[in-house]
Amino acid sequence: TAAAMYPLMQPALDKISQQIYEKQSVENITYDEANQYTC
């Protein structure tokens, strides 16, 4: 039910986590304006 109510959570986490793996930091992470609150 949470996945249905918040369908952008998992894709947003995948994009963020990929950047974190590459940079090994949470600084300067970029995301779309459409997902800014979720991210």
ModelCIF file with pLDDT and N, C-alpha, C, O atoms, coordinates in Angstrom:
data_MODEL
#
_entry.id   MODEL 
#
_entity.id                         1 
_entity.type                       polymer 
_entity.pdbx_number_of_molecules   1 
#
_entity_poly.entity_id                      1 
_entity_poly.type                           'polypeptide(L)' 
_entity_poly.nstd_linkage                   no 
_entity_poly.nstd_monomer                   no 
_entity_poly.pdbx_seq_one_letter_code       TAAAMYPLMQPALDKISQQIYEKQSVENITYDEANQYTC 
_entity_poly.pdbx_seq_one_letter_code_can   TAAAMYPLMQPALDKISQQIYEKQSVENITYDEANQYTC 
_entity_poly.pdbx_strand_id                 A 
#
loop_
_entity_poly_seq.entity_id 
_entity_poly_seq.num 
_entity_poly_seq.mon_id 
_entity_poly_seq.hetero 
1 1  THR n 
1 2  ALA n 
1 3  ALA n 
1 4  ALA n 
1 5  MET n 
1 6  TYR n 
1 7  PRO n 
1 8  LEU n 
1 9  MET n 
1 10 GLN n 
1 11 PRO n 
1 12 ALA n 
1 13 LEU n 
1 14 ASP n 
1 15 LYS n 
1 16 ILE n 
1 17 SER n 
1 18 GLN n 
1 19 GLN n 
1 20 ILE n 
1 21 TYR n 
1 22 GLU n 
1 23 LYS n 
1 24 GLN n 
1 25 SER n 
1 26 VAL n 
1 27 GLU n 
1 28 ASN n 
1 29 ILE n 
1 30 THR n 
1 31 TYR n 
1 32 ASP n 
1 33 GLU n 
1 34 ALA n 
1 35 ASN n 
1 36 GLN n 
1 37 TYR n 
1 38 THR n 
1 39 CYS n 
#
_struct_asym.id          A 
_struct_asym.entity_id   1 
#
loop_
_ma_qa_metric.id 
_ma_qa_metric.mode 
_ma_qa_metric.name 
_ma_qa_metric.software_group_id 
_ma_qa_metric.type 
1 global pLDDT . pLDDT 
2 local  pLDDT . pLDDT 
#
_ma_qa_metric_global.metric_id      1 
_ma_qa_metric_global.metric_value   88.82 
_ma_qa_metric_global.model_id       1 
_ma_qa_metric_global.ordinal_id     1 
#
loop_
_ma_qa_metric_local.label_asym_id 
_ma_qa_metric_local.label_comp_id 
_ma_qa_metric_local.label_seq_id 
_ma_qa_metric_local.metric_id 
_ma_qa_metric_local.metric_value 
_ma_qa_metric_local.model_id 
_ma_qa_metric_local.ordinal_id 
A THR 1  2 83.00 1 1  
A ALA 2  2 81.00 1 2  
A ALA 3  2 82.00 1 3  
A ALA 4  2 87.00 1 4  
A MET 5  2 87.00 1 5  
A TYR 6  2 85.00 1 6  
A PRO 7  2 88.00 1 7  
A LEU 8  2 86.00 1 8  
A MET 9  2 89.00 1 9  
A GLN 10 2 89.00 1 10 
A PRO 11 2 91.00 1 11 
A ALA 12 2 91.00 1 12 
A LEU 13 2 91.00 1 13 
A ASP 14 2 92.00 1 14 
A LYS 15 2 93.00 1 15 
A ILE 16 2 93.00 1 16 
A SER 17 2 93.00 1 17 
A GLN 18 2 93.00 1 18 
A GLN 19 2 93.00 1 19 
A ILE 20 2 92.00 1 20 
A TYR 21 2 91.00 1 21 
A GLU 22 2 91.00 1 22 
A LYS 23 2 89.00 1 23 
A GLN 24 2 89.00 1 24 
A SER 25 2 88.00 1 25 
A VAL 26 2 89.00 1 26 
A GLU 27 2 90.00 1 27 
A ASN 28 2 88.00 1 28 
A ILE 29 2 90.00 1 29 
A THR 30 2 90.00 1 30 
A TYR 31 2 88.00 1 31 
A ASP 32 2 86.00 1 32 
A GLU 33 2 87.00 1 33 
A ALA 34 2 85.00 1 34 
A ASN 35 2 85.00 1 35 
A GLN 36 2 89.00 1 36 
A TYR 37 2 90.00 1 37 
A THR 38 2 89.00 1 38 
A CYS 39 2 91.00 1 39 
#
loop_
_atom_site.group_PDB 
_atom_site.id 
_atom_site.type_symbol 
_atom_site.label_atom_id 
_atom_site.label_alt_id 
_atom_site.label_comp_id 
_atom_site.label_asym_id 
_atom_site.label_entity_id 
_atom_site.label_seq_id 
_atom_site.pdbx_PDB_ins_code 
_atom_site.Cartn_x 
_atom_site.Cartn_y 
_atom_site.Cartn_z 
_atom_site.occupancy 
_atom_site.B_iso_or_equiv 
_atom_site.pdbx_formal_charge 
_atom_site.auth_seq_id 
_atom_site.auth_comp_id 
_atom_site.auth_asym_id 
_atom_site.auth_atom_id 
_atom_site.pdbx_PDB_model_num 
ATOM 1   N N  . THR A 1 1  ? 0.836  -1.206 0.000   1.00 83.00 ? 1  THR A N  1 
ATOM 2   C CA . THR A 1 1  ? 0.000  0.000  0.000   1.00 83.00 ? 1  THR A CA 1 
ATOM 3   C C  . THR A 1 1  ? 0.870  1.257  0.000   1.00 83.00 ? 1  THR A C  1 
ATOM 4   O O  . THR A 1 1  ? 0.543  2.234  -0.673  1.00 83.00 ? 1  THR A O  1 
ATOM 5   N N  . ALA A 1 2  ? 1.968  1.240  0.744   1.00 81.00 ? 2  ALA A N  1 
ATOM 6   C CA . ALA A 1 2  ? 2.866  2.396  0.746   1.00 81.00 ? 2  ALA A CA 1 
ATOM 7   C C  . ALA A 1 2  ? 3.541  2.553  -0.612  1.00 81.00 ? 2  ALA A C  1 
ATOM 8   O O  . ALA A 1 2  ? 3.729  3.672  -1.089  1.00 81.00 ? 2  ALA A O  1 
ATOM 9   N N  . ALA A 1 3  ? 3.904  1.441  -1.230  1.00 82.00 ? 3  ALA A N  1 
ATOM 10  C CA . ALA A 1 3  ? 4.513  1.507  -2.560  1.00 82.00 ? 3  ALA A CA 1 
ATOM 11  C C  . ALA A 1 3  ? 3.516  2.038  -3.586  1.00 82.00 ? 3  ALA A C  1 
ATOM 12  O O  . ALA A 1 3  ? 3.902  2.742  -4.519  1.00 82.00 ? 3  ALA A O  1 
ATOM 13  N N  . ALA A 1 4  ? 2.239  1.706  -3.419  1.00 87.00 ? 4  ALA A N  1 
ATOM 14  C CA . ALA A 1 4  ? 1.221  2.208  -4.338  1.00 87.00 ? 4  ALA A CA 1 
ATOM 15  C C  . ALA A 1 4  ? 0.940  3.686  -4.096  1.00 87.00 ? 4  ALA A C  1 
ATOM 16  O O  . ALA A 1 4  ? 0.709  4.445  -5.037  1.00 87.00 ? 4  ALA A O  1 
ATOM 17  N N  . MET A 1 5  ? 0.962  4.094  -2.812  1.00 87.00 ? 5  MET A N  1 
ATOM 18  C CA . MET A 1 5  ? 0.674  5.490  -2.496  1.00 87.00 ? 5  MET A CA 1 
ATOM 19  C C  . MET A 1 5  ? 1.855  6.401  -2.837  1.00 87.00 ? 5  MET A C  1 
ATOM 20  O O  . MET A 1 5  ? 1.655  7.562  -3.191  1.00 87.00 ? 5  MET A O  1 
ATOM 21  N N  . TYR A 1 6  ? 3.066  5.891  -2.735  1.00 85.00 ? 6  TYR A N  1 
ATOM 22  C CA . TYR A 1 6  ? 4.267  6.671  -3.000  1.00 85.00 ? 6  TYR A CA 1 
ATOM 23  C C  . TYR A 1 6  ? 5.115  5.957  -4.048  1.00 85.00 ? 6  TYR A C  1 
ATOM 24  O O  . TYR A 1 6  ? 6.151  5.376  -3.723  1.00 85.00 ? 6  TYR A O  1 
ATOM 25  N N  . PRO A 1 7  ? 4.678  6.001  -5.299  1.00 88.00 ? 7  PRO A N  1 
ATOM 26  C CA . PRO A 1 7  ? 5.385  5.236  -6.332  1.00 88.00 ? 7  PRO A CA 1 
ATOM 27  C C  . PRO A 1 7  ? 6.760  5.798  -6.684  1.00 88.00 ? 7  PRO A C  1 
ATOM 28  O O  . PRO A 1 7  ? 7.556  5.114  -7.328  1.00 88.00 ? 7  PRO A O  1 
ATOM 29  N N  . LEU A 1 8  ? 7.048  7.018  -6.276  1.00 86.00 ? 8  LEU A N  1 
ATOM 30  C CA . LEU A 1 8  ? 8.330  7.628  -6.628  1.00 86.00 ? 8  LEU A CA 1 
ATOM 31  C C  . LEU A 1 8  ? 9.433  7.335  -5.619  1.00 86.00 ? 8  LEU A C  1 
ATOM 32  O O  . LEU A 1 8  ? 10.589 7.692  -5.848  1.00 86.00 ? 8  LEU A O  1 
ATOM 33  N N  . MET A 1 9  ? 9.092  6.688  -4.501  1.00 89.00 ? 9  MET A N  1 
ATOM 34  C CA . MET A 1 9  ? 10.091 6.455  -3.468  1.00 89.00 ? 9  MET A CA 1 
ATOM 35  C C  . MET A 1 9  ? 11.232 5.567  -3.950  1.00 89.00 ? 9  MET A C  1 
ATOM 36  O O  . MET A 1 9  ? 12.399 5.939  -3.824  1.00 89.00 ? 9  MET A O  1 
ATOM 37  N N  . GLN A 1 10 ? 10.912 4.402  -4.498  1.00 89.00 ? 10 GLN A N  1 
ATOM 38  C CA . GLN A 1 10 ? 11.963 3.460  -4.895  1.00 89.00 ? 10 GLN A CA 1 
ATOM 39  C C  . GLN A 1 10 ? 12.792 3.982  -6.075  1.00 89.00 ? 10 GLN A C  1 
ATOM 40  O O  . GLN A 1 10 ? 14.018 3.889  -6.020  1.00 89.00 ? 10 GLN A O  1 
ATOM 41  N N  . PRO A 1 11 ? 12.185 4.530  -7.144  1.00 91.00 ? 11 PRO A N  1 
ATOM 42  C CA . PRO A 1 11 ? 13.024 5.069  -8.231  1.00 91.00 ? 11 PRO A CA 1 
ATOM 43  C C  . PRO A 1 11 ? 13.899 6.248  -7.789  1.00 91.00 ? 11 PRO A C  1 
ATOM 44  O O  . PRO A 1 11 ? 15.039 6.382  -8.233  1.00 91.00 ? 11 PRO A O  1 
ATOM 45  N N  . ALA A 1 12 ? 13.362 7.091  -6.920  1.00 91.00 ? 12 ALA A N  1 
ATOM 46  C CA . ALA A 1 12 ? 14.155 8.217  -6.419  1.00 91.00 ? 12 ALA A CA 1 
ATOM 47  C C  . ALA A 1 12 ? 15.319 7.720  -5.572  1.00 91.00 ? 12 ALA A C  1 
ATOM 48  O O  . ALA A 1 12 ? 16.430 8.241  -5.670  1.00 91.00 ? 12 ALA A O  1 
ATOM 49  N N  . LEU A 1 13 ? 15.066 6.715  -4.742  1.00 91.00 ? 13 LEU A N  1 
ATOM 50  C CA . LEU A 1 13 ? 16.136 6.156  -3.920  1.00 91.00 ? 13 LEU A CA 1 
ATOM 51  C C  . LEU A 1 13 ? 17.206 5.497  -4.791  1.00 91.00 ? 13 LEU A C  1 
ATOM 52  O O  . LEU A 1 13 ? 18.396 5.583  -4.486  1.00 91.00 ? 13 LEU A O  1 
ATOM 53  N N  . ASP A 1 14 ? 16.788 4.844  -5.866  1.00 92.00 ? 14 ASP A N  1 
ATOM 54  C CA . ASP A 1 14 ? 17.762 4.213  -6.764  1.00 92.00 ? 14 ASP A CA 1 
ATOM 55  C C  . ASP A 1 14 ? 18.689 5.251  -7.401  1.00 92.00 ? 14 ASP A C  1 
ATOM 56  O O  . ASP A 1 14 ? 19.898 5.039  -7.486  1.00 92.00 ? 14 ASP A O  1 
ATOM 57  N N  . LYS A 1 15 ? 18.123 6.364  -7.844  1.00 93.00 ? 15 LYS A N  1 
ATOM 58  C CA . LYS A 1 15 ? 18.946 7.418  -8.467  1.00 93.00 ? 15 LYS A CA 1 
ATOM 59  C C  . LYS A 1 15 ? 19.890 8.064  -7.449  1.00 93.00 ? 15 LYS A C  1 
ATOM 60  O O  . LYS A 1 15 ? 21.060 8.312  -7.743  1.00 93.00 ? 15 LYS A O  1 
ATOM 61  N N  . ILE A 1 16 ? 19.379 8.327  -6.278  1.00 93.00 ? 16 ILE A N  1 
ATOM 62  C CA . ILE A 1 16 ? 20.206 8.947  -5.229  1.00 93.00 ? 16 ILE A CA 1 
ATOM 63  C C  . ILE A 1 16 ? 21.313 7.999  -4.793  1.00 93.00 ? 16 ILE A C  1 
ATOM 64  O O  . ILE A 1 16 ? 22.473 8.395  -4.676  1.00 93.00 ? 16 ILE A O  1 
ATOM 65  N N  . SER A 1 17 ? 20.947 6.740  -4.554  1.00 93.00 ? 17 SER A N  1 
ATOM 66  C CA . SER A 1 17 ? 21.950 5.788  -4.061  1.00 93.00 ? 17 SER A CA 1 
ATOM 67  C C  . SER A 1 17 ? 23.046 5.543  -5.089  1.00 93.00 ? 17 SER A C  1 
ATOM 68  O O  . SER A 1 17 ? 24.199 5.333  -4.710  1.00 93.00 ? 17 SER A O  1 
ATOM 69  N N  . GLN A 1 18 ? 22.723 5.564  -6.377  1.00 93.00 ? 18 GLN A N  1 
ATOM 70  C CA . GLN A 1 18 ? 23.750 5.400  -7.403  1.00 93.00 ? 18 GLN A CA 1 
ATOM 71  C C  . GLN A 1 18 ? 24.776 6.528  -7.326  1.00 93.00 ? 18 GLN A C  1 
ATOM 72  O O  . GLN A 1 18 ? 25.978 6.284  -7.436  1.00 93.00 ? 18 GLN A O  1 
ATOM 73  N N  . GLN A 1 19 ? 24.309 7.755  -7.137  1.00 93.00 ? 19 GLN A N  1 
ATOM 74  C CA . GLN A 1 19 ? 25.222 8.893  -7.006  1.00 93.00 ? 19 GLN A CA 1 
ATOM 75  C C  . GLN A 1 19 ? 26.056 8.788  -5.725  1.00 93.00 ? 19 GLN A C  1 
ATOM 76  O O  . GLN A 1 19 ? 27.242 9.119  -5.723  1.00 93.00 ? 19 GLN A O  1 
ATOM 77  N N  . ILE A 1 20 ? 25.440 8.332  -4.654  1.00 92.00 ? 20 ILE A N  1 
ATOM 78  C CA . ILE A 1 20 ? 26.161 8.201  -3.386  1.00 92.00 ? 20 ILE A CA 1 
ATOM 79  C C  . ILE A 1 20 ? 27.236 7.124  -3.505  1.00 92.00 ? 20 ILE A C  1 
ATOM 80  O O  . ILE A 1 20 ? 28.334 7.292  -2.973  1.00 92.00 ? 20 ILE A O  1 
ATOM 81  N N  . TYR A 1 21 ? 26.940 6.023  -4.193  1.00 91.00 ? 21 TYR A N  1 
ATOM 82  C CA . TYR A 1 21 ? 27.948 4.973  -4.376  1.00 91.00 ? 21 TYR A CA 1 
ATOM 83  C C  . TYR A 1 21 ? 29.157 5.510  -5.133  1.00 91.00 ? 21 TYR A C  1 
ATOM 84  O O  . TYR A 1 21 ? 30.299 5.197  -4.795  1.00 91.00 ? 21 TYR A O  1 
ATOM 85  N N  . GLU A 1 22 ? 28.899 6.324  -6.166  1.00 91.00 ? 22 GLU A N  1 
ATOM 86  C CA . GLU A 1 22 ? 29.999 6.862  -6.972  1.00 91.00 ? 22 GLU A CA 1 
ATOM 87  C C  . GLU A 1 22 ? 30.818 7.883  -6.199  1.00 91.00 ? 22 GLU A C  1 
ATOM 88  O O  . GLU A 1 22 ? 32.048 7.854  -6.247  1.00 91.00 ? 22 GLU A O  1 
ATOM 89  N N  . LYS A 1 23 ? 30.150 8.785  -5.486  1.00 89.00 ? 23 LYS A N  1 
ATOM 90  C CA . LYS A 1 23 ? 30.842 9.872  -4.781  1.00 89.00 ? 23 LYS A CA 1 
ATOM 91  C C  . LYS A 1 23 ? 31.281 9.490  -3.381  1.00 89.00 ? 23 LYS A C  1 
ATOM 92  O O  . LYS A 1 23 ? 32.188 10.108 -2.824  1.00 89.00 ? 23 LYS A O  1 
ATOM 93  N N  . GLN A 1 24 ? 30.646 8.474  -2.805  1.00 89.00 ? 24 GLN A N  1 
ATOM 94  C CA . GLN A 1 24 ? 30.864 8.087  -1.412  1.00 89.00 ? 24 GLN A CA 1 
ATOM 95  C C  . GLN A 1 24 ? 30.628 9.264  -0.468  1.00 89.00 ? 24 GLN A C  1 
ATOM 96  O O  . GLN A 1 24 ? 31.310 9.417  0.545   1.00 89.00 ? 24 GLN A O  1 
ATOM 97  N N  . SER A 1 25 ? 29.659 10.078 -0.823  1.00 88.00 ? 25 SER A N  1 
ATOM 98  C CA . SER A 1 25 ? 29.301 11.241 -0.023  1.00 88.00 ? 25 SER A CA 1 
ATOM 99  C C  . SER A 1 25 ? 27.859 11.617 -0.337  1.00 88.00 ? 25 SER A C  1 
ATOM 100 O O  . SER A 1 25 ? 27.339 11.283 -1.401  1.00 88.00 ? 25 SER A O  1 
ATOM 101 N N  . VAL A 1 26 ? 27.218 12.311 0.595   1.00 89.00 ? 26 VAL A N  1 
ATOM 102 C CA . VAL A 1 26 ? 25.865 12.797 0.351   1.00 89.00 ? 26 VAL A CA 1 
ATOM 103 C C  . VAL A 1 26 ? 25.872 14.257 -0.098  1.00 89.00 ? 26 VAL A C  1 
ATOM 104 O O  . VAL A 1 26 ? 24.817 14.875 -0.236  1.00 89.00 ? 26 VAL A O  1 
ATOM 105 N N  . GLU A 1 27 ? 27.057 14.800 -0.323  1.00 90.00 ? 27 GLU A N  1 
ATOM 106 C CA . GLU A 1 27 ? 27.173 16.179 -0.789  1.00 90.00 ? 27 GLU A CA 1 
ATOM 107 C C  . GLU A 1 27 ? 27.017 16.235 -2.309  1.00 90.00 ? 27 GLU A C  1 
ATOM 108 O O  . GLU A 1 27 ? 27.431 15.314 -3.013  1.00 90.00 ? 27 GLU A O  1 
ATOM 109 N N  . ASN A 1 28 ? 26.429 17.300 -2.805  1.00 88.00 ? 28 ASN A N  1 
ATOM 110 C CA . ASN A 1 28 ? 26.279 17.573 -4.241  1.00 88.00 ? 28 ASN A CA 1 
ATOM 111 C C  . ASN A 1 28 ? 25.511 16.483 -4.971  1.00 88.00 ? 28 ASN A C  1 
ATOM 112 O O  . ASN A 1 28 ? 25.891 16.090 -6.074  1.00 88.00 ? 28 ASN A O  1 
ATOM 113 N N  . ILE A 1 29 ? 24.457 16.000 -4.379  1.00 90.00 ? 29 ILE A N  1 
ATOM 114 C CA . ILE A 1 29 ? 23.589 15.017 -5.027  1.00 90.00 ? 29 ILE A CA 1 
ATOM 115 C C  . ILE A 1 29 ? 22.555 15.781 -5.842  1.00 90.00 ? 29 ILE A C  1 
ATOM 116 O O  . ILE A 1 29 ? 21.926 16.710 -5.336  1.00 90.00 ? 29 ILE A O  1 
ATOM 117 N N  . THR A 1 30 ? 22.379 15.396 -7.091  1.00 90.00 ? 30 THR A N  1 
ATOM 118 C CA . THR A 1 30 ? 21.423 16.075 -7.965  1.00 90.00 ? 30 THR A CA 1 
ATOM 119 C C  . THR A 1 30 ? 20.181 15.201 -8.142  1.00 90.00 ? 30 THR A C  1 
ATOM 120 O O  . THR A 1 30 ? 20.250 13.973 -8.097  1.00 90.00 ? 30 THR A O  1 
ATOM 121 N N  . TYR A 1 31 ? 19.048 15.869 -8.345  1.00 88.00 ? 31 TYR A N  1 
ATOM 122 C CA . TYR A 1 31 ? 17.801 15.161 -8.576  1.00 88.00 ? 31 TYR A CA 1 
ATOM 123 C C  . TYR A 1 31 ? 16.874 16.063 -9.366  1.00 88.00 ? 31 TYR A C  1 
ATOM 124 O O  . TYR A 1 31 ? 17.086 17.272 -9.449  1.00 88.00 ? 31 TYR A O  1 
ATOM 125 N N  . ASP A 1 32 ? 15.843 15.463 -9.947  1.00 86.00 ? 32 ASP A N  1 
ATOM 126 C CA . ASP A 1 32 ? 14.878 16.201 -10.753 1.00 86.00 ? 32 ASP A CA 1 
ATOM 127 C C  . ASP A 1 32 ? 14.018 17.087 -9.866  1.00 86.00 ? 32 ASP A C  1 
ATOM 128 O O  . ASP A 1 32 ? 13.767 16.776 -8.702  1.00 86.00 ? 32 ASP A O  1 
ATOM 129 N N  . GLU A 1 33 ? 13.575 18.190 -10.439 1.00 87.00 ? 33 GLU A N  1 
ATOM 130 C CA . GLU A 1 33 ? 12.697 19.081 -9.682  1.00 87.00 ? 33 GLU A CA 1 
ATOM 131 C C  . GLU A 1 33 ? 11.344 18.419 -9.411  1.00 87.00 ? 33 GLU A C  1 
ATOM 132 O O  . GLU A 1 33 ? 10.688 18.729 -8.416  1.00 87.00 ? 33 GLU A O  1 
ATOM 133 N N  . ALA A 1 34 ? 10.932 17.516 -10.287 1.00 85.00 ? 34 ALA A N  1 
ATOM 134 C CA . ALA A 1 34 ? 9.657  16.833 -10.080 1.00 85.00 ? 34 ALA A CA 1 
ATOM 135 C C  . ALA A 1 34 ? 9.692  15.945 -8.835  1.00 85.00 ? 34 ALA A C  1 
ATOM 136 O O  . ALA A 1 34 ? 8.656  15.706 -8.215  1.00 85.00 ? 34 ALA A O  1 
ATOM 137 N N  . ASN A 1 35 ? 10.876 15.456 -8.469  1.00 85.00 ? 35 ASN A N  1 
ATOM 138 C CA . ASN A 1 35 ? 11.018 14.576 -7.309  1.00 85.00 ? 35 ASN A CA 1 
ATOM 139 C C  . ASN A 1 35 ? 11.728 15.249 -6.150  1.00 85.00 ? 35 ASN A C  1 
ATOM 140 O O  . ASN A 1 35 ? 12.235 14.558 -5.266  1.00 85.00 ? 35 ASN A O  1 
ATOM 141 N N  . GLN A 1 36 ? 11.781 16.546 -6.123  1.00 89.00 ? 36 GLN A N  1 
ATOM 142 C CA . GLN A 1 36 ? 12.630 17.215 -5.134  1.00 89.00 ? 36 GLN A CA 1 
ATOM 143 C C  . GLN A 1 36 ? 12.205 16.939 -3.694  1.00 89.00 ? 36 GLN A C  1 
ATOM 144 O O  . GLN A 1 36 ? 13.066 16.794 -2.827  1.00 89.00 ? 36 GLN A O  1 
ATOM 145 N N  . TYR A 1 37 ? 10.926 16.865 -3.417  1.00 90.00 ? 37 TYR A N  1 
ATOM 146 C CA . TYR A 1 37 ? 10.482 16.638 -2.044  1.00 90.00 ? 37 TYR A CA 1 
ATOM 147 C C  . TYR A 1 37 ? 10.743 15.194 -1.613  1.00 90.00 ? 37 TYR A C  1 
ATOM 148 O O  . TYR A 1 37 ? 11.179 14.942 -0.490  1.00 90.00 ? 37 TYR A O  1 
ATOM 149 N N  . THR A 1 38 ? 10.476 14.267 -2.501  1.00 89.00 ? 38 THR A N  1 
ATOM 150 C CA . THR A 1 38 ? 10.755 12.869 -2.215  1.00 89.00 ? 38 THR A CA 1 
ATOM 151 C C  . THR A 1 38 ? 12.253 12.663 -1.987  1.00 89.00 ? 38 THR A C  1 
ATOM 152 O O  . THR A 1 38 ? 12.664 11.997 -1.036  1.00 89.00 ? 38 THR A O  1 
ATOM 153 N N  . CYS A 1 39 ? 13.053 13.241 -2.868  1.00 91.00 ? 39 CYS A N  1 
ATOM 154 C CA . CYS A 1 39 ? 14.512 13.102 -2.750  1.00 91.00 ? 39 CYS A CA 1 
ATOM 155 C C  . CYS A 1 39 ? 15.037 13.778 -1.488  1.00 91.00 ? 39 CYS A C  1 
ATOM 156 O O  . CYS A 1 39 ? 16.241 13.758 -1.232  1.00 91.00 ? 39 CYS A O  1 
#
